[in-house]
N, C-alpha and C. Protein backbone atom coordinates (compact mmCIF):
# COMPACT_ATOMS: atom_id res chain seq x y z
N MET A 1 0.96 -1.17 0.01
CA MET A 1 0.00 0.04 0.08
C MET A 1 0.95 1.15 -0.02
N LYS A 2 0.41 2.26 -0.54
CA LYS A 2 1.01 3.55 -0.61
C LYS A 2 0.51 4.43 0.47
N TRP A 3 1.15 4.91 1.33
CA TRP A 3 0.82 5.57 2.53
C TRP A 3 1.18 7.12 2.47
N ALA A 4 0.02 7.79 2.91
CA ALA A 4 0.41 9.19 3.27
C ALA A 4 0.36 9.38 4.76
N VAL A 5 1.32 10.08 5.37
CA VAL A 5 1.37 10.38 6.76
C VAL A 5 0.99 11.87 6.97
N LEU A 6 -0.02 12.19 7.60
CA LEU A 6 -0.57 13.58 7.75
C LEU A 6 0.06 14.00 9.11
N VAL A 7 0.68 15.22 9.13
CA VAL A 7 1.68 15.67 10.32
C VAL A 7 1.24 17.06 10.56
N GLY A 8 1.95 17.43 11.67
CA GLY A 8 1.76 18.93 12.09
C GLY A 8 2.76 19.35 13.17
N GLY A 9 3.70 18.39 13.62
CA GLY A 9 4.58 18.81 14.67
C GLY A 9 5.95 18.13 14.37
N THR A 10 6.54 17.63 15.47
CA THR A 10 7.99 17.16 15.36
C THR A 10 8.30 15.99 14.46
N GLY A 11 7.29 15.24 14.21
CA GLY A 11 7.48 14.12 13.30
C GLY A 11 8.03 12.80 13.87
N SER A 12 7.85 12.75 15.29
CA SER A 12 8.47 11.51 15.85
C SER A 12 7.93 10.26 15.38
N ASN A 13 6.59 10.30 15.25
CA ASN A 13 5.69 9.09 14.86
C ASN A 13 5.96 8.78 13.46
N LEU A 14 6.18 9.94 12.60
CA LEU A 14 6.68 9.74 11.19
C LEU A 14 7.93 8.92 11.06
N HIS A 15 8.91 9.42 11.90
CA HIS A 15 10.13 8.86 11.99
C HIS A 15 10.13 7.42 12.22
N ALA A 16 9.31 6.91 13.33
CA ALA A 16 9.03 5.57 13.72
C ALA A 16 8.47 4.82 12.45
N LEU A 17 7.59 5.40 11.83
CA LEU A 17 6.96 4.58 10.70
C LEU A 17 8.03 4.33 9.57
N LEU A 18 8.85 5.42 9.32
CA LEU A 18 9.82 5.22 8.21
C LEU A 18 10.84 4.32 8.74
N GLU A 19 11.17 4.24 9.94
CA GLU A 19 12.30 3.32 10.39
C GLU A 19 11.66 1.72 10.37
N GLN A 20 10.36 1.75 10.46
CA GLN A 20 9.66 0.54 10.27
C GLN A 20 9.75 -0.04 8.93
N GLY A 21 10.03 0.78 7.93
CA GLY A 21 10.15 0.44 6.46
C GLY A 21 8.64 0.46 5.89
N ILE A 22 7.74 1.36 6.52
CA ILE A 22 6.38 1.59 5.90
C ILE A 22 6.78 2.32 4.76
N ALA A 23 5.84 2.02 3.49
CA ALA A 23 5.94 2.58 2.30
C ALA A 23 5.16 3.90 2.25
N VAL A 24 6.10 4.94 2.87
CA VAL A 24 5.40 6.40 2.87
C VAL A 24 5.68 7.08 1.83
N SER A 25 4.66 7.40 0.84
CA SER A 25 4.70 7.96 -0.53
C SER A 25 4.51 9.37 -0.36
N LEU A 26 3.87 10.00 0.67
CA LEU A 26 3.69 11.37 0.79
C LEU A 26 3.47 11.74 2.18
N VAL A 27 3.90 13.05 2.57
CA VAL A 27 3.82 13.54 3.84
C VAL A 27 3.11 14.91 3.62
N VAL A 28 1.89 15.00 4.36
CA VAL A 28 1.23 16.29 4.34
C VAL A 28 1.13 16.92 5.55
N SER A 29 1.50 18.35 5.62
CA SER A 29 1.62 19.21 6.85
C SER A 29 0.51 20.23 6.85
N HIS A 30 -0.21 20.41 7.92
CA HIS A 30 -1.11 21.70 7.93
C HIS A 30 -0.48 22.65 8.41
N ARG A 31 0.90 22.73 8.90
CA ARG A 31 1.52 23.81 9.34
C ARG A 31 2.94 23.88 8.47
N GLU A 32 3.59 25.09 8.46
CA GLU A 32 4.80 25.31 7.69
C GLU A 32 6.02 25.13 8.82
N GLY A 33 7.06 24.64 8.39
CA GLY A 33 8.30 24.70 8.97
C GLY A 33 8.37 23.76 10.22
N VAL A 34 7.61 22.87 10.19
CA VAL A 34 7.57 21.74 11.35
C VAL A 34 8.70 20.77 11.12
N GLY A 35 9.16 20.16 12.31
CA GLY A 35 10.14 19.17 12.15
C GLY A 35 10.00 17.99 11.26
N ALA A 36 8.76 17.54 11.35
CA ALA A 36 8.33 16.51 10.38
C ALA A 36 8.61 16.75 8.93
N LEU A 37 8.43 17.87 8.38
CA LEU A 37 8.94 18.15 7.13
C LEU A 37 10.29 17.75 6.78
N GLY A 38 11.27 18.07 7.80
CA GLY A 38 12.62 17.93 7.63
C GLY A 38 12.91 16.51 7.67
N ILE A 39 12.24 15.66 8.58
CA ILE A 39 12.41 14.12 8.50
C ILE A 39 11.99 13.62 7.15
N ALA A 40 10.75 14.01 6.62
CA ALA A 40 10.38 13.69 5.26
C ALA A 40 11.41 13.76 4.22
N ARG A 41 12.10 14.95 4.22
CA ARG A 41 13.00 15.28 3.27
C ARG A 41 14.32 14.59 3.40
N ASP A 42 14.57 14.20 4.69
CA ASP A 42 15.72 13.33 4.90
C ASP A 42 15.70 12.02 4.39
N TYR A 43 14.30 11.58 4.32
CA TYR A 43 13.97 10.22 3.94
C TYR A 43 13.58 10.29 2.34
N HIS A 44 13.72 11.40 1.70
CA HIS A 44 13.41 11.66 0.28
C HIS A 44 11.99 11.27 -0.02
N VAL A 45 11.04 11.66 0.88
CA VAL A 45 9.44 11.49 0.77
C VAL A 45 8.97 12.88 0.42
N PRO A 46 8.10 12.88 -0.68
CA PRO A 46 7.47 14.10 -1.22
C PRO A 46 6.66 14.83 -0.12
N VAL A 47 6.65 16.02 -0.02
CA VAL A 47 5.99 16.83 0.88
C VAL A 47 4.88 17.75 0.31
N GLU A 48 3.90 18.01 0.92
CA GLU A 48 2.89 18.95 0.66
C GLU A 48 2.50 19.69 1.90
N VAL A 49 2.47 20.96 1.82
CA VAL A 49 2.16 21.89 3.01
C VAL A 49 0.79 22.52 2.67
N ILE A 50 -0.27 22.06 3.21
CA ILE A 50 -1.58 22.67 2.90
C ILE A 50 -2.12 23.56 4.21
N THR A 51 -1.99 24.70 4.31
CA THR A 51 -2.29 25.46 5.38
C THR A 51 -3.79 25.88 5.39
N ALA A 52 -4.47 26.08 6.54
CA ALA A 52 -5.90 26.44 6.40
C ALA A 52 -6.19 27.90 6.01
N LYS A 53 -5.13 28.71 6.19
CA LYS A 53 -5.22 30.12 5.79
C LYS A 53 -5.30 30.45 4.46
N THR A 54 -5.02 29.23 3.56
CA THR A 54 -5.31 29.42 2.19
C THR A 54 -6.58 29.11 1.66
N TYR A 55 -7.51 28.56 2.57
CA TYR A 55 -8.81 28.11 2.06
C TYR A 55 -9.93 28.64 3.06
N PRO A 56 -11.00 29.04 2.26
CA PRO A 56 -12.20 29.85 3.16
C PRO A 56 -12.81 28.87 4.16
N ASP A 57 -12.88 27.53 4.03
CA ASP A 57 -13.60 26.60 4.75
C ASP A 57 -13.06 25.17 4.70
N ARG A 58 -13.52 24.45 5.60
CA ARG A 58 -13.08 22.95 5.74
C ARG A 58 -13.25 22.23 4.55
N ALA A 59 -14.31 22.40 3.86
CA ALA A 59 -14.82 21.66 2.63
C ALA A 59 -13.66 21.98 1.41
N GLN A 60 -13.23 23.12 1.22
CA GLN A 60 -12.33 23.46 0.31
C GLN A 60 -10.93 23.05 0.59
N TYR A 61 -10.62 23.06 2.05
CA TYR A 61 -9.25 22.69 2.56
C TYR A 61 -9.17 21.09 2.11
N ASP A 62 -10.20 20.32 2.60
CA ASP A 62 -10.10 18.89 2.43
C ASP A 62 -10.13 18.47 0.91
N GLN A 63 -10.86 19.31 0.11
CA GLN A 63 -10.79 19.12 -1.30
C GLN A 63 -9.33 19.13 -1.87
N ALA A 64 -8.54 20.29 -1.37
CA ALA A 64 -7.15 20.24 -1.78
C ALA A 64 -6.34 19.22 -1.13
N LEU A 65 -6.63 18.74 0.03
CA LEU A 65 -5.95 17.50 0.69
C LEU A 65 -6.27 16.23 -0.25
N ARG A 66 -7.48 16.15 -0.53
CA ARG A 66 -7.86 14.91 -1.35
C ARG A 66 -7.04 15.01 -2.72
N TYR A 67 -7.02 16.11 -3.34
CA TYR A 67 -6.33 16.30 -4.79
C TYR A 67 -4.84 15.86 -4.31
N ALA A 68 -4.08 16.17 -3.47
CA ALA A 68 -2.72 15.90 -3.16
C ALA A 68 -2.81 14.35 -2.92
N LEU A 69 -3.65 13.67 -2.29
CA LEU A 69 -3.55 12.24 -1.92
C LEU A 69 -3.78 11.53 -3.37
N GLN A 70 -4.73 12.12 -4.08
CA GLN A 70 -5.05 11.33 -5.37
C GLN A 70 -3.76 11.60 -6.36
N LYS A 71 -3.03 12.69 -6.28
CA LYS A 71 -2.13 13.04 -7.29
C LYS A 71 -0.88 11.94 -6.95
N TYR A 72 -0.71 11.55 -5.72
CA TYR A 72 0.32 10.49 -5.41
C TYR A 72 -0.25 9.24 -5.25
N GLN A 73 -1.61 8.94 -5.69
CA GLN A 73 -2.19 7.66 -5.63
C GLN A 73 -2.14 6.93 -4.27
N ILE A 74 -2.48 7.62 -3.32
CA ILE A 74 -2.31 7.16 -2.04
C ILE A 74 -3.46 6.15 -1.76
N ASP A 75 -3.16 5.16 -1.14
CA ASP A 75 -3.98 3.93 -0.79
C ASP A 75 -4.53 4.10 0.69
N ALA A 76 -3.76 4.59 1.63
CA ALA A 76 -4.10 4.70 2.97
C ALA A 76 -3.38 5.80 3.77
N ILE A 77 -3.97 6.12 4.87
CA ILE A 77 -3.45 7.39 5.59
C ILE A 77 -3.38 6.94 6.97
N ALA A 78 -2.06 7.49 7.39
CA ALA A 78 -1.69 7.42 8.98
C ALA A 78 -1.65 8.96 9.39
N MET A 79 -2.45 9.27 10.37
CA MET A 79 -2.52 10.61 10.81
C MET A 79 -1.58 10.76 12.26
N ALA A 80 -0.63 11.67 12.24
CA ALA A 80 0.31 11.64 13.14
C ALA A 80 0.65 13.18 13.72
N GLY A 81 -0.38 13.70 14.41
CA GLY A 81 -0.05 15.18 14.78
C GLY A 81 -0.72 16.13 13.68
N PHE A 82 -1.67 15.55 13.10
CA PHE A 82 -2.38 16.50 12.09
C PHE A 82 -3.68 17.04 12.66
N LEU A 83 -3.64 18.35 13.11
CA LEU A 83 -4.61 18.83 14.05
C LEU A 83 -5.67 19.33 13.33
N ARG A 84 -6.33 18.61 12.36
CA ARG A 84 -7.51 18.97 11.71
C ARG A 84 -8.53 17.83 11.60
N TRP A 85 -9.70 18.17 11.80
CA TRP A 85 -10.60 16.96 11.65
C TRP A 85 -10.97 16.82 10.02
N LEU A 86 -11.02 15.60 9.63
CA LEU A 86 -11.38 15.20 8.34
C LEU A 86 -12.72 15.49 8.07
N THR A 87 -13.25 15.99 6.82
CA THR A 87 -14.56 16.25 6.61
C THR A 87 -15.26 14.82 5.95
N PRO A 88 -16.47 14.48 6.20
CA PRO A 88 -17.06 13.31 5.65
C PRO A 88 -16.86 12.98 4.36
N ALA A 89 -16.51 13.94 3.43
CA ALA A 89 -16.21 13.70 2.19
C ALA A 89 -14.98 12.90 1.91
N THR A 90 -13.94 13.27 2.70
CA THR A 90 -12.57 12.71 2.81
C THR A 90 -12.69 11.33 3.38
N ILE A 91 -13.45 11.23 4.55
CA ILE A 91 -13.51 10.03 5.15
C ILE A 91 -14.31 8.97 4.24
N ASP A 92 -15.16 9.41 3.40
CA ASP A 92 -15.90 8.50 2.60
C ASP A 92 -15.04 7.89 1.48
N VAL A 93 -14.05 8.75 1.01
CA VAL A 93 -13.15 8.27 -0.03
C VAL A 93 -12.28 7.21 0.62
N TYR A 94 -11.68 7.57 1.81
CA TYR A 94 -10.70 6.52 2.23
C TYR A 94 -11.22 5.76 3.48
N GLY A 95 -12.40 5.60 3.47
CA GLY A 95 -13.05 4.99 4.70
C GLY A 95 -12.51 3.44 4.93
N GLY A 96 -12.16 3.33 6.22
CA GLY A 96 -11.60 2.02 6.44
C GLY A 96 -10.04 2.06 6.29
N ARG A 97 -9.58 3.15 5.81
CA ARG A 97 -8.14 2.99 5.37
C ARG A 97 -7.35 4.38 6.07
N ILE A 98 -8.00 4.84 7.02
CA ILE A 98 -7.22 5.96 7.78
C ILE A 98 -7.16 5.60 9.24
N LEU A 99 -6.03 5.56 9.69
CA LEU A 99 -5.53 5.42 11.07
C LEU A 99 -5.06 6.65 11.77
N ASN A 100 -5.46 6.60 13.13
CA ASN A 100 -4.85 7.79 13.88
C ASN A 100 -4.37 7.08 15.21
N ILE A 101 -3.38 7.92 15.70
CA ILE A 101 -2.81 7.54 17.14
C ILE A 101 -3.15 8.53 18.11
N HIS A 102 -3.75 8.20 19.22
CA HIS A 102 -4.17 9.14 20.18
C HIS A 102 -3.20 8.85 21.50
N PRO A 103 -2.89 9.73 22.24
CA PRO A 103 -2.01 9.65 23.37
C PRO A 103 -2.88 9.49 24.56
N SER A 104 -3.83 8.59 24.69
CA SER A 104 -4.54 8.18 25.76
C SER A 104 -5.26 6.78 25.56
N LEU A 105 -5.87 6.29 26.68
CA LEU A 105 -6.76 5.08 26.50
C LEU A 105 -8.07 5.44 26.21
N LEU A 106 -8.33 5.66 24.89
CA LEU A 106 -9.61 6.01 24.48
C LEU A 106 -10.66 5.01 24.94
N PRO A 107 -11.85 5.40 25.51
CA PRO A 107 -12.50 6.50 25.20
C PRO A 107 -11.95 7.74 26.22
N ALA A 108 -11.15 7.38 27.19
CA ALA A 108 -10.65 8.33 28.15
C ALA A 108 -9.90 9.28 27.41
N PHE A 109 -10.11 10.71 28.02
CA PHE A 109 -9.40 11.84 27.46
C PHE A 109 -9.16 12.11 25.97
N PRO A 110 -10.24 12.13 25.21
CA PRO A 110 -10.16 12.51 23.94
C PRO A 110 -9.75 13.92 23.63
N GLY A 111 -9.59 14.35 22.33
CA GLY A 111 -9.29 15.74 22.00
C GLY A 111 -7.81 16.08 22.34
N LEU A 112 -7.63 17.44 22.52
CA LEU A 112 -6.25 17.92 22.61
C LEU A 112 -5.76 17.71 23.95
N ASN A 113 -4.37 18.05 24.01
CA ASN A 113 -3.78 17.72 25.42
C ASN A 113 -4.11 16.45 26.29
N ALA A 114 -4.25 15.43 25.60
CA ALA A 114 -4.71 14.22 26.31
C ALA A 114 -3.75 13.79 27.42
N ILE A 115 -2.48 13.95 27.15
CA ILE A 115 -1.37 13.42 28.17
C ILE A 115 -1.62 14.33 29.44
N GLU A 116 -1.76 15.66 29.24
CA GLU A 116 -1.89 16.68 30.29
C GLU A 116 -3.14 16.38 31.08
N GLN A 117 -4.35 16.07 30.27
CA GLN A 117 -5.51 15.84 30.85
C GLN A 117 -5.46 14.48 31.71
N ALA A 118 -4.94 13.52 31.39
CA ALA A 118 -4.68 12.28 32.31
C ALA A 118 -3.92 12.53 33.40
N TYR A 119 -2.86 13.31 33.33
CA TYR A 119 -1.92 13.60 34.32
C TYR A 119 -2.56 14.60 35.32
N ARG A 120 -3.33 15.60 35.04
CA ARG A 120 -4.03 16.45 35.87
C ARG A 120 -5.18 15.67 36.62
N TYR A 121 -5.78 14.83 35.99
CA TYR A 121 -6.93 14.11 36.61
C TYR A 121 -6.39 13.28 37.64
N GLY A 122 -5.07 12.66 37.57
CA GLY A 122 -4.62 11.90 38.65
C GLY A 122 -4.78 10.23 38.37
N VAL A 123 -4.94 10.00 37.23
CA VAL A 123 -5.16 8.51 36.90
C VAL A 123 -3.71 7.82 37.05
N ARG A 124 -3.69 6.63 37.37
CA ARG A 124 -2.57 5.84 37.70
C ARG A 124 -2.13 5.07 36.32
N TRP A 125 -3.12 5.00 35.35
CA TRP A 125 -2.82 4.32 34.09
C TRP A 125 -3.28 5.16 32.89
N THR A 126 -2.42 5.35 31.91
CA THR A 126 -2.90 6.04 30.71
C THR A 126 -2.29 5.24 29.65
N GLY A 127 -2.05 5.68 28.52
CA GLY A 127 -1.40 4.96 27.43
C GLY A 127 -1.77 5.63 26.04
N VAL A 128 -1.64 4.75 24.92
CA VAL A 128 -1.69 5.25 23.59
C VAL A 128 -2.85 4.24 23.01
N THR A 129 -3.44 4.88 21.92
CA THR A 129 -4.45 4.17 21.19
C THR A 129 -4.42 4.31 19.81
N VAL A 130 -4.41 3.34 18.93
CA VAL A 130 -4.51 3.37 17.50
C VAL A 130 -5.77 2.96 17.11
N HIS A 131 -6.52 3.91 16.31
CA HIS A 131 -8.04 3.62 15.90
C HIS A 131 -8.11 4.02 14.39
N PHE A 132 -9.16 3.52 13.90
CA PHE A 132 -9.55 3.92 12.54
C PHE A 132 -10.37 5.23 12.75
N VAL A 133 -10.27 6.11 11.80
CA VAL A 133 -10.84 7.28 11.85
C VAL A 133 -12.45 7.43 11.23
N ASP A 134 -13.30 7.87 12.13
CA ASP A 134 -14.56 8.09 11.57
C ASP A 134 -15.01 9.53 11.58
N GLU A 135 -16.31 9.96 11.57
CA GLU A 135 -16.57 11.22 11.49
C GLU A 135 -16.60 11.85 12.95
N GLY A 136 -16.58 11.08 13.95
CA GLY A 136 -16.44 11.57 15.18
C GLY A 136 -14.93 12.07 15.74
N LYS A 137 -14.87 12.61 16.93
CA LYS A 137 -13.57 13.18 17.36
C LYS A 137 -13.04 12.06 18.28
N ASP A 138 -12.06 11.34 17.75
CA ASP A 138 -11.40 10.25 18.42
C ASP A 138 -12.36 9.22 18.82
N THR A 139 -13.39 8.93 17.97
CA THR A 139 -14.36 7.90 18.23
C THR A 139 -14.37 6.66 17.46
N GLY A 140 -13.42 6.60 16.57
CA GLY A 140 -13.41 5.41 15.63
C GLY A 140 -13.07 4.06 16.36
N PRO A 141 -13.31 2.90 15.61
CA PRO A 141 -12.97 1.68 16.17
C PRO A 141 -11.57 1.51 16.39
N VAL A 142 -11.30 1.06 17.66
CA VAL A 142 -10.02 0.91 18.42
C VAL A 142 -9.33 -0.39 17.72
N VAL A 143 -8.21 -0.27 17.21
CA VAL A 143 -7.41 -1.45 16.79
C VAL A 143 -6.45 -2.03 17.88
N ALA A 144 -5.87 -1.19 18.41
CA ALA A 144 -4.97 -1.69 19.69
C ALA A 144 -4.48 -0.59 20.47
N GLN A 145 -4.31 -0.90 21.83
CA GLN A 145 -3.81 0.07 22.77
C GLN A 145 -2.78 -0.54 23.51
N LEU A 146 -1.99 0.34 24.12
CA LEU A 146 -0.69 -0.02 24.86
C LEU A 146 -0.78 0.99 26.10
N PRO A 147 -0.86 0.41 27.45
CA PRO A 147 -1.01 1.01 28.56
C PRO A 147 0.35 1.27 29.18
N ILE A 148 0.46 2.50 29.74
CA ILE A 148 1.68 2.90 30.54
C ILE A 148 1.15 3.31 32.05
N ARG A 149 2.06 3.17 33.03
CA ARG A 149 1.66 3.45 34.38
C ARG A 149 2.13 4.88 34.61
N ILE A 150 1.38 5.54 35.43
CA ILE A 150 1.88 6.84 36.12
C ILE A 150 2.12 6.62 37.51
N ASP A 151 3.29 6.62 37.99
CA ASP A 151 3.61 6.41 39.33
C ASP A 151 3.53 7.54 40.24
N PRO A 152 3.32 7.53 41.52
CA PRO A 152 3.32 8.75 42.28
C PRO A 152 4.62 9.39 42.24
N GLY A 153 4.61 10.68 42.11
CA GLY A 153 5.89 11.51 41.99
C GLY A 153 6.41 11.64 40.49
N ASP A 154 5.71 11.03 39.53
CA ASP A 154 6.15 11.27 38.18
C ASP A 154 5.94 12.61 37.67
N SER A 155 6.83 13.34 37.07
CA SER A 155 6.59 14.58 36.45
C SER A 155 5.82 14.48 35.22
N MET A 156 5.19 15.52 34.82
CA MET A 156 4.49 15.52 33.47
C MET A 156 5.45 15.20 32.40
N ALA A 157 6.66 15.69 32.31
CA ALA A 157 7.74 15.43 31.46
C ALA A 157 8.06 13.90 31.40
N THR A 158 8.06 13.12 32.51
CA THR A 158 8.29 11.69 32.65
C THR A 158 7.11 11.04 31.83
N VAL A 159 5.93 11.38 32.24
CA VAL A 159 4.69 10.82 31.59
C VAL A 159 4.82 11.02 30.21
N GLU A 160 5.03 12.13 29.59
CA GLU A 160 5.13 12.44 28.22
C GLU A 160 6.16 11.39 27.47
N GLU A 161 7.28 11.35 28.16
CA GLU A 161 8.29 10.62 27.50
C GLU A 161 7.90 9.22 27.36
N ARG A 162 7.15 8.65 28.43
CA ARG A 162 6.65 7.24 28.41
C ARG A 162 5.64 7.09 27.31
N VAL A 163 4.72 8.03 27.26
CA VAL A 163 3.66 8.01 26.22
C VAL A 163 4.21 7.91 24.78
N HIS A 164 5.10 8.79 24.59
CA HIS A 164 5.78 8.87 23.29
C HIS A 164 6.59 7.68 22.80
N HIS A 165 7.22 7.01 23.82
CA HIS A 165 7.84 5.89 23.74
C HIS A 165 6.91 4.70 23.22
N ALA A 166 5.72 4.66 23.96
CA ALA A 166 4.71 3.75 23.56
C ALA A 166 4.19 3.96 22.24
N GLU A 167 3.93 5.25 21.90
CA GLU A 167 3.40 5.47 20.46
C GLU A 167 4.42 4.76 19.47
N HIS A 168 5.65 5.16 19.62
CA HIS A 168 6.76 4.67 18.55
C HIS A 168 6.74 3.33 18.56
N ARG A 169 6.47 2.47 19.57
CA ARG A 169 6.28 1.19 19.50
C ARG A 169 5.05 0.47 18.89
N LEU A 170 3.91 1.13 19.17
CA LEU A 170 2.77 0.52 18.68
C LEU A 170 2.33 1.13 17.45
N TYR A 171 2.49 2.31 16.91
CA TYR A 171 1.97 2.80 15.70
C TYR A 171 2.58 1.99 14.66
N PRO A 172 3.90 1.97 14.36
CA PRO A 172 4.41 1.21 13.29
C PRO A 172 3.95 -0.25 13.14
N LYS A 173 3.77 -0.78 14.34
CA LYS A 173 3.19 -2.22 14.35
C LYS A 173 1.93 -2.40 13.69
N VAL A 174 0.97 -1.39 14.15
CA VAL A 174 -0.42 -1.60 13.70
C VAL A 174 -0.52 -1.08 12.10
N VAL A 175 0.43 -0.06 11.69
CA VAL A 175 0.23 0.24 10.47
C VAL A 175 0.89 -0.83 9.65
N GLU A 176 1.99 -1.50 10.09
CA GLU A 176 2.51 -2.73 9.31
C GLU A 176 1.40 -3.65 9.17
N ALA A 177 0.67 -3.88 10.30
CA ALA A 177 -0.36 -5.08 10.21
C ALA A 177 -1.53 -4.65 9.22
N MET A 178 -1.77 -3.50 9.08
CA MET A 178 -2.88 -3.12 8.16
C MET A 178 -2.27 -3.16 6.66
N ASP A 179 -1.00 -2.73 6.51
CA ASP A 179 -0.39 -2.75 5.26
C ASP A 179 -0.13 -4.24 4.76
N LYS A 180 -0.06 -5.12 5.70
CA LYS A 180 0.18 -6.50 5.33
C LYS A 180 -1.29 -7.28 5.09
N GLY A 181 -2.27 -6.54 5.50
CA GLY A 181 -3.79 -7.23 5.32
C GLY A 181 -4.07 -7.96 6.52
N TRP A 182 -3.36 -7.85 7.57
CA TRP A 182 -3.68 -8.67 8.81
C TRP A 182 -5.02 -8.07 9.37
N VAL A 183 -5.07 -6.90 9.46
CA VAL A 183 -6.20 -6.28 10.07
C VAL A 183 -6.93 -5.26 9.13
N ALA A 184 -8.25 -5.30 9.24
CA ALA A 184 -9.10 -4.40 8.44
C ALA A 184 -10.28 -3.96 9.12
N LEU A 185 -11.08 -3.02 8.76
CA LEU A 185 -12.19 -2.43 9.27
C LEU A 185 -13.45 -3.17 8.45
N GLY A 186 -14.27 -4.01 9.13
CA GLY A 186 -15.30 -4.54 8.34
C GLY A 186 -16.47 -3.63 8.03
N HIS A 187 -17.34 -4.18 7.13
CA HIS A 187 -18.48 -3.35 6.73
C HIS A 187 -19.39 -2.98 7.79
N ASP A 188 -19.31 -3.85 8.95
CA ASP A 188 -20.25 -3.65 10.14
C ASP A 188 -19.53 -2.76 11.15
N GLY A 189 -18.46 -2.12 10.76
CA GLY A 189 -17.70 -1.26 11.70
C GLY A 189 -16.92 -1.94 12.69
N LYS A 190 -16.61 -3.09 12.51
CA LYS A 190 -15.96 -3.83 13.71
C LYS A 190 -14.54 -4.23 13.07
N ILE A 191 -13.52 -4.38 14.06
CA ILE A 191 -12.11 -4.75 13.69
C ILE A 191 -12.25 -6.16 13.28
N GLN A 192 -11.50 -6.54 12.04
CA GLN A 192 -11.52 -7.79 11.55
C GLN A 192 -9.99 -8.25 11.46
N TRP A 193 -9.47 -9.24 12.09
CA TRP A 193 -8.15 -9.84 12.10
C TRP A 193 -8.28 -10.81 10.99
N GLN A 194 -7.43 -10.82 10.06
CA GLN A 194 -7.46 -11.74 8.81
C GLN A 194 -6.27 -13.00 9.21
N VAL A 195 -5.82 -13.04 10.34
CA VAL A 195 -4.97 -14.13 10.58
C VAL A 195 -5.43 -14.72 11.81
N SER A 196 -4.79 -15.94 12.32
CA SER A 196 -5.35 -16.88 13.22
C SER A 196 -5.20 -16.16 14.60
N GLN A 197 -6.22 -16.63 15.52
CA GLN A 197 -6.00 -16.04 16.96
C GLN A 197 -4.67 -16.33 17.41
N GLU A 198 -3.94 -17.40 17.18
CA GLU A 198 -2.68 -17.51 17.65
C GLU A 198 -1.58 -16.49 17.20
N GLU A 199 -1.80 -16.11 15.92
CA GLU A 199 -0.95 -15.09 15.31
C GLU A 199 -1.21 -13.64 15.99
N VAL A 200 -2.55 -13.50 16.20
CA VAL A 200 -2.80 -12.23 16.91
C VAL A 200 -2.38 -12.09 18.23
N ALA A 201 -2.41 -13.32 19.05
CA ALA A 201 -1.75 -13.32 20.31
C ALA A 201 -0.25 -13.29 20.47
N LYS A 202 0.47 -13.75 19.41
CA LYS A 202 1.79 -13.69 19.22
C LYS A 202 2.31 -12.15 18.97
N TRP A 203 1.32 -11.48 17.91
CA TRP A 203 1.65 -10.12 17.77
C TRP A 203 1.38 -9.23 18.99
N VAL A 204 0.35 -9.38 19.72
CA VAL A 204 0.17 -8.66 20.95
C VAL A 204 1.11 -9.02 22.05
N SER A 205 1.56 -10.09 22.17
CA SER A 205 2.76 -10.59 23.11
C SER A 205 3.93 -9.80 22.83
N GLY A 206 4.33 -9.56 21.35
CA GLY A 206 5.36 -8.96 20.97
C GLY A 206 5.42 -7.51 21.43
N LEU A 207 4.29 -6.78 21.33
CA LEU A 207 4.15 -5.45 21.80
C LEU A 207 4.42 -5.20 23.31
N TYR A 208 4.03 -6.13 24.11
CA TYR A 208 4.17 -6.16 25.50
C TYR A 208 5.58 -6.42 25.87
N SER A 209 6.22 -7.16 25.17
CA SER A 209 7.55 -7.61 25.61
C SER A 209 8.59 -6.78 24.98
N ALA A 210 8.18 -5.90 24.22
CA ALA A 210 9.35 -4.91 23.59
C ALA A 210 9.99 -4.04 24.55
């Protein structure tokens, strides 16, 4: 599959995907001058910067996004720090082929600043979630989650470091599984594994033992 990674920040998850060997054919950023663009160029991946200020509304913005995706014949999308909600028109075109990573154990702490939300709330466990994107806000079907513990006395910086480490472990593995056809989103909206239960168990065990 030809993947596009939608970014807007430092690009650490993009780097993890590239290191995993995912066939990233395009990187799209909603912001100029972010670190992710430098990473893309270092790996010789084409980039497109599509800023909201150029377009009068979400519909026209997403139309430009779809044009870029179609120009590079993109099959699937991995969102990684792209802080714009996709319109139904874009989701319809790429339905079941858009993944997102979120820094909490959804449905807890959706939206922005999820790590800070969890830390301020005082939970003892948080983590990361990879899910398919639907028209809601962080509401799509969950593919996999990886928990991390928050110990008494942990600083916010410590928690952020653990969460980002978990992201870099989980996201490439889920994207790779989808790329290989191991996991898909069924017409009923449920996750479907195309491999045996033994293989799924082995895959999950590998995540926790990493």
